[in-house]
Each structure stands twice: as C-alpha cells, then as structure tokens.
C-alpha atoms as a PDB file:
ATOM      1  CA  MET A   1      75.018 182.471 105.307  1.00  0.00           C
ATOM      2  CA  GLN A   2      78.348 184.135 104.661  1.00  0.00           C
ATOM      3  CA  THR A   3      81.277 183.636 107.013  1.00  0.00           C
ATOM      4  CA  GLY A   4      83.699 186.281 105.888  1.00  0.00           C
ATOM      5  CA  PRO A   5      86.289 188.030 108.086  1.00  0.00           C
ATOM      6  CA  ILE A   6      83.788 190.573 109.424  1.00  0.00           C
ATOM      7  CA  THR A   7      81.329 187.849 110.434  1.00  0.00           C
ATOM      8  CA  LEU A   8      84.000 185.799 112.099  1.00  0.00           C
ATOM      9  CA  GLY A   9      85.358 188.931 113.874  1.00  0.00           C
ATOM     10  CA  LEU A  10      81.908 189.759 115.199  1.00  0.00           C
ATOM     11  CA  MET A  11      81.443 186.194 116.408  1.00  0.00           C
ATOM     12  CA  ALA A  12      84.797 186.351 118.156  1.00  0.00           C
ATOM     13  CA  LEU A  13      83.698 189.611 119.800  1.00  0.00           C
ATOM     14  CA  LEU A  14      80.438 187.982 120.935  1.00  0.00           C
ATOM     15  CA  ALA A  15      82.425 185.112 122.385  1.00  0.00           C
ATOM     16  CA  VAL A  16      84.619 187.519 124.320  1.00  0.00           C
ATOM     17  CA  LEU A  17      81.565 189.480 125.546  1.00  0.00           C
ATOM     18  CA  MET A  18      79.852 186.316 126.710  1.00  0.00           C
ATOM     19  CA  VAL A  19      82.912 185.160 128.605  1.00  0.00           C
ATOM     20  CA  VAL A  20      83.247 188.635 130.224  1.00  0.00           C
ATOM     21  CA  ALA A  21      79.573 188.472 131.210  1.00  0.00           C
ATOM     22  CA  ALA A  22      79.996 184.960 132.651  1.00  0.00           C
ATOM     23  CA  VAL A  23      83.046 186.020 134.715  1.00  0.00           C
ATOM     24  CA  SER A  24      81.283 189.157 135.880  1.00  0.00           C
ATOM     25  CA  ASP A  25      78.256 187.131 136.940  1.00  0.00           C
ATOM     26  CA  LEU A  26      80.402 184.593 138.720  1.00  0.00           C
ATOM     27  CA  ARG A  27      82.303 187.270 140.640  1.00  0.00           C
ATOM     28  CA  THR A  28      79.635 189.815 141.416  1.00  0.00           C
ATOM     29  CA  ARG A  29      76.312 188.184 140.482  1.00  0.00           C
ATOM     30  CA  THR A  30      75.650 191.038 138.056  1.00  0.00           C
ATOM     31  CA  ILE A  31      75.890 191.543 134.320  1.00  0.00           C
ATOM     32  CA  SER A  32      76.102 195.181 133.332  1.00  0.00           C
ATOM     33  CA  ASN A  33      73.508 196.810 131.102  1.00  0.00           C
ATOM     34  CA  GLY A  34      76.287 198.128 128.877  1.00  0.00           C
ATOM     35  CA  LEU A  35      77.617 194.644 128.249  1.00  0.00           C
ATOM     36  CA  ASN A  36      74.140 193.324 127.466  1.00  0.00           C
ATOM     37  CA  ALA A  37      73.492 196.296 125.185  1.00  0.00           C
ATOM     38  CA  ALA A  38      76.761 195.624 123.327  1.00  0.00           C
ATOM     39  CA  ILE A  39      75.781 191.977 122.835  1.00  0.00           C
ATOM     40  CA  ALA A  40      72.333 192.948 121.505  1.00  0.00           C
ATOM     41  CA  LEU A  41      73.401 195.878 119.309  1.00  0.00           C
ATOM     42  CA  LEU A  42      76.322 194.016 117.671  1.00  0.00           C
ATOM     43  CA  ALA A  43      73.782 191.530 116.333  1.00  0.00           C
ATOM     44  CA  ILE A  44      72.694 194.074 113.768  1.00  0.00           C
ATOM     45  CA  PRO A  45      76.013 194.351 111.918  1.00  0.00           C
ATOM     46  CA  PHE A  46      76.337 190.585 112.309  1.00  0.00           C
ATOM     47  CA  TRP A  47      73.049 190.035 110.514  1.00  0.00           C
ATOM     48  CA  ILE A  48      74.177 192.311 107.697  1.00  0.00           C
ATOM     49  CA  ALA A  49      77.661 190.759 107.460  1.00  0.00           C
ATOM     50  CA  SER A  50      76.285 187.217 107.488  1.00  0.00           C
ATOM     51  CA  GLY A  51      73.793 187.986 104.694  1.00  0.00           C
ATOM     52  CA  LEU A  52      70.478 187.715 106.516  1.00  0.00           C
ATOM     53  CA  ALA A  53      67.681 189.011 104.271  1.00  0.00           C
ATOM     54  CA  LEU A  54      65.991 192.197 105.379  1.00  0.00           C
ATOM     55  CA  TRP A  55      62.716 190.373 104.943  1.00  0.00           C
ATOM     56  CA  PRO A  56      61.694 187.937 106.351  1.00  0.00           C
ATOM     57  CA  GLU A  57      64.849 186.618 108.055  1.00  0.00           C
ATOM     58  CA  ILE A  58      65.791 189.631 110.232  1.00  0.00           C
ATOM     59  CA  PRO A  59      62.241 190.210 111.581  1.00  0.00           C
ATOM     60  CA  LEU A  60      61.901 186.452 112.257  1.00  0.00           C
ATOM     61  CA  GLN A  61      65.240 186.398 114.105  1.00  0.00           C
ATOM     62  CA  PHE A  62      64.287 189.490 116.132  1.00  0.00           C
ATOM     63  CA  GLY A  63      60.793 188.213 116.874  1.00  0.00           C
ATOM     64  CA  ALA A  64      61.985 184.806 118.046  1.00  0.00           C
ATOM     65  CA  ALA A  65      64.669 186.359 120.257  1.00  0.00           C
ATOM     66  CA  PHE A  66      62.100 188.809 121.684  1.00  0.00           C
ATOM     67  CA  ALA A  67      59.723 185.898 122.437  1.00  0.00           C
ATOM     68  CA  VAL A  68      62.482 184.147 124.398  1.00  0.00           C
ATOM     69  CA  PHE A  69      63.224 187.430 126.175  1.00  0.00           C
ATOM     70  CA  LEU A  70      59.538 187.759 127.181  1.00  0.00           C
ATOM     71  CA  VAL A  71      59.418 184.202 128.559  1.00  0.00           C
ATOM     72  CA  PHE A  72      62.475 184.880 130.695  1.00  0.00           C
ATOM     73  CA  ALA A  73      61.138 188.307 131.701  1.00  0.00           C
ATOM     74  CA  GLY A  74      58.171 186.398 133.106  1.00  0.00           C
ATOM     75  CA  LEU A  75      60.583 184.241 135.099  1.00  0.00           C
ATOM     76  CA  PHE A  76      62.233 187.444 136.339  1.00  0.00           C
ATOM     77  CA  ALA A  77      58.831 188.773 137.443  1.00  0.00           C
ATOM     78  CA  LEU A  78      58.373 185.564 139.424  1.00  0.00           C
ATOM     79  CA  GLY A  79      61.787 186.048 141.062  1.00  0.00           C
ATOM     80  CA  ALA A  80      63.309 183.010 139.336  1.00  0.00           C
ATOM     81  CA  MET A  81      65.870 184.904 137.241  1.00  0.00           C
ATOM     82  CA  GLY A  82      68.035 187.979 137.559  1.00  0.00           C
ATOM     83  CA  GLY A  83      67.470 190.973 135.308  1.00  0.00           C
ATOM     84  CA  GLY A  84      70.995 190.863 133.826  1.00  0.00           C
ATOM     85  CA  ASP A  85      70.547 187.188 132.971  1.00  0.00           C
ATOM     86  CA  VAL A  86      67.286 187.892 131.193  1.00  0.00           C
ATOM     87  CA  LYS A  87      68.785 190.729 129.165  1.00  0.00           C
ATOM     88  CA  MET A  88      71.781 188.553 128.296  1.00  0.00           C
ATOM     89  CA  ILE A  89      69.531 185.740 127.070  1.00  0.00           C
ATOM     90  CA  GLY A  90      67.616 188.170 124.867  1.00  0.00           C
ATOM     91  CA  GLY A  91      70.786 189.637 123.447  1.00  0.00           C
ATOM     92  CA  VAL A  92      72.511 186.325 122.793  1.00  0.00           C
ATOM     93  CA  MET A  93      69.425 184.844 121.097  1.00  0.00           C
ATOM     94  CA  LEU A  94      69.639 187.610 118.474  1.00  0.00           C
ATOM     95  CA  TRP A  95      72.742 185.840 117.218  1.00  0.00           C
ATOM     96  CA  ILE A  96      71.530 182.281 117.333  1.00  0.00           C
ATOM     97  CA  PRO A  97      69.939 180.677 114.225  1.00  0.00           C
ATOM     98  CA  LEU A  98      66.325 179.667 114.665  1.00  0.00           C
ATOM     99  CA  PRO A  99      66.968 175.894 114.294  1.00  0.00           C
ATOM    100  CA  LEU A 100      69.360 176.090 117.315  1.00  0.00           C
ATOM    101  CA  PHE A 101      67.001 177.941 119.678  1.00  0.00           C
ATOM    102  CA  ILE A 102      65.589 174.868 121.397  1.00  0.00           C
ATOM    103  CA  PRO A 103      68.896 172.933 121.584  1.00  0.00           C
ATOM    104  CA  MET A 104      70.644 176.030 122.990  1.00  0.00           C
ATOM    105  CA  LEU A 105      67.885 176.704 125.541  1.00  0.00           C
ATOM    106  CA  THR A 106      67.950 172.968 126.529  1.00  0.00           C
ATOM    107  CA  LEU A 107      71.707 173.039 126.983  1.00  0.00           C
ATOM    108  CA  MET A 108      71.407 176.318 128.941  1.00  0.00           C
ATOM    109  CA  ALA A 109      68.777 174.781 131.211  1.00  0.00           C
ATOM    110  CA  ILE A 110      70.932 171.656 131.844  1.00  0.00           C
ATOM    111  CA  GLY A 111      73.989 173.823 132.556  1.00  0.00           C
ATOM    112  CA  GLY A 112      71.905 176.106 134.815  1.00  0.00           C
ATOM    113  CA  GLY A 113      70.617 173.027 136.663  1.00  0.00           C
ATOM    114  CA  ILE A 114      74.114 171.676 137.213  1.00  0.00           C
ATOM    115  CA  LEU A 115      75.234 175.130 138.351  1.00  0.00           C
ATOM    116  CA  SER A 116      72.298 175.359 140.771  1.00  0.00           C
ATOM    117  CA  ALA A 117      73.152 171.904 142.194  1.00  0.00           C
ATOM    118  CA  VAL A 118      76.797 172.947 142.715  1.00  0.00           C
ATOM    119  CA  MET A 119      75.631 176.110 144.428  1.00  0.00           C
ATOM    120  CA  LEU A 120      73.277 174.154 146.682  1.00  0.00           C
ATOM    121  CA  ILE A 121      76.029 171.697 147.647  1.00  0.00           C
ATOM    122  CA  HIS A 122      78.379 174.598 148.325  1.00  0.00           C
ATOM    123  CA  SER A 123      75.775 176.212 150.570  1.00  0.00           C
ATOM    124  CA  LYS A 124      75.418 172.972 152.548  1.00  0.00           C
ATOM    125  CA  ILE A 125      79.163 172.638 152.981  1.00  0.00           C
ATOM    126  CA  ARG A 126      79.668 176.303 153.852  1.00  0.00           C
ATOM    127  CA  PRO A 127      76.398 177.612 155.303  1.00  0.00           C
ATOM    128  CA  SER A 128      75.696 181.327 154.942  1.00  0.00           C
ATOM    129  CA  ASP A 129      72.900 183.714 155.898  1.00  0.00           C
ATOM    130  CA  LYS A 130      72.908 185.108 152.352  1.00  0.00           C
ATOM    131  CA  ALA A 131      70.447 183.825 149.776  1.00  0.00           C
ATOM    132  CA  ILE A 132      71.831 181.550 147.071  1.00  0.00           C
ATOM    133  CA  GLU A 133      72.250 183.488 143.829  1.00  0.00           C
ATOM    134  CA  VAL A 134      73.023 181.307 140.801  1.00  0.00           C
ATOM    135  CA  PRO A 135      75.363 182.974 138.288  1.00  0.00           C
ATOM    136  CA  TYR A 136      73.203 181.908 135.326  1.00  0.00           C
ATOM    137  CA  GLY A 137      75.283 184.010 132.991  1.00  0.00           C
ATOM    138  CA  VAL A 138      77.796 181.156 133.039  1.00  0.00           C
ATOM    139  CA  ALA A 139      75.196 178.705 131.635  1.00  0.00           C
ATOM    140  CA  ILE A 140      73.994 181.281 129.066  1.00  0.00           C
ATOM    141  CA  ALA A 141      77.549 181.916 127.880  1.00  0.00           C
ATOM    142  CA  ALA A 142      78.380 178.204 127.675  1.00  0.00           C
ATOM    143  CA  ALA A 143      75.234 177.428 125.678  1.00  0.00           C
ATOM    144  CA  GLY A 144      75.823 180.457 123.471  1.00  0.00           C
ATOM    145  CA  LEU A 145      79.414 179.426 122.692  1.00  0.00           C
ATOM    146  CA  TRP A 146      78.185 175.929 121.872  1.00  0.00           C
ATOM    147  CA  ALA A 147      75.492 177.250 119.536  1.00  0.00           C
ATOM    148  CA  LEU A 148      77.933 179.574 117.721  1.00  0.00           C
ATOM    149  CA  HIS A 149      80.288 176.688 117.206  1.00  0.00           C
ATOM    150  CA  GLN A 150      77.573 174.299 116.033  1.00  0.00           C
ATOM    151  CA  HIS A 151      76.164 176.572 113.382  1.00  0.00           C
ATOM    152  CA  TYR A 152      79.024 178.750 112.250  1.00  0.00           C
ATOM    153  CA  LEU A 153      82.246 176.892 112.966  1.00  0.00           C
ATOM    154  CA  ASN A 154      81.358 173.181 112.858  1.00  0.00           C
ATOM    155  CA  GLN A 155      82.279 172.134 109.335  1.00  0.00           C
ATOM    156  CA  PHE A 156      81.007 168.591 109.913  1.00  0.00           C
ATOM    157  CA  GLN A 157      77.479 169.343 111.035  1.00  0.00           C
ATOM    158  CA  PHE A 158      75.788 167.652 108.040  1.00  0.00           C
ATOM    159  CA  ILE A 159      77.713 164.375 108.007  1.00  0.00           C
ATOM    160  CA  ALA A 160      75.132 162.560 110.138  1.00  0.00           C
ATOM    161  CA  VAL A 161      72.286 163.894 107.980  1.00  0.00           C
ATOM    162  CA  SER A 162      73.427 162.321 104.706  1.00  0.00           C
END
C-alpha cells in the first residue's frame, strides 16, 4: 500500500467528510445523500492512489463493503437504523482495509451503544414527546477515523507482533 501525497490528501478529505456527517447527524439527525455519495465515490481514486490491485483486491474490498451495507440495510428495514447512517457505513467501509472490518464495526457498536445510553439518560432528565433518534453517524465517524489511523497513519502497528 502506497501512502503518497494523493493518498494522504484523500484520507484527509475522508476525515473531513466523516466529521461533517457526524456534525450534521448530531444537529439534524440526517446525513445527506450527497455527502454519502462523496464518501463512497472518493474511495475509487483512493484505491488507485494507494495501489490496490484491479484484481482481486478492489472487487474484494467492494464486495466486503457491500456485504456490510446489506447487513445494515436489513437493520434499516427493521427500523433499527436510519437510511443516512446505513449509506454512510457502506461508503466508509469502502475505505477500510479488510483486516480492520471487524475491529471497526466492534468499535462502532460500542460507540453507538454509549451514544444510545447517553441519549436515553438525556430523555429521562428532559422528557419529550418526540421519539429518541440516535445520531449514529457520530459512532460511524469515530470508528472510521480510528480505523484510518490504525492502518494508514500508525507507524507502530507491528511492534506488538514481533
């Protein structure tokens, strides 16, 4: 994997887009389709810049991200997730290396659980007639930022392995 200036610039852009999505979800409980489309479509030049092979790495990356998207689309169908959150997860997973899929999803679930608990406590302190909507984009962005750091920016990731 190459980490030249184009790759680093695209990762920085992804980081900004994830933060914007998290703030948008926190404020309005929505993540725009345009923002999610930008996250997903920018993965293609990222794959090229980072040196992913046309076969089999890019199809594997796409297939794994699509599988995660389908699982969360099922949760959307059950009413457990918002549509913008599902699209954001699918887009972000296009960027995440396969070995970090499970750790990222685990971290995202823990962050989402903490966020849900905070929202529940807030609803008990300040009762409202409105349904509780968890801004899950915050957990997705936090886990995505962690995964980008772990794989692409953490220069000490292999010390414990040796």
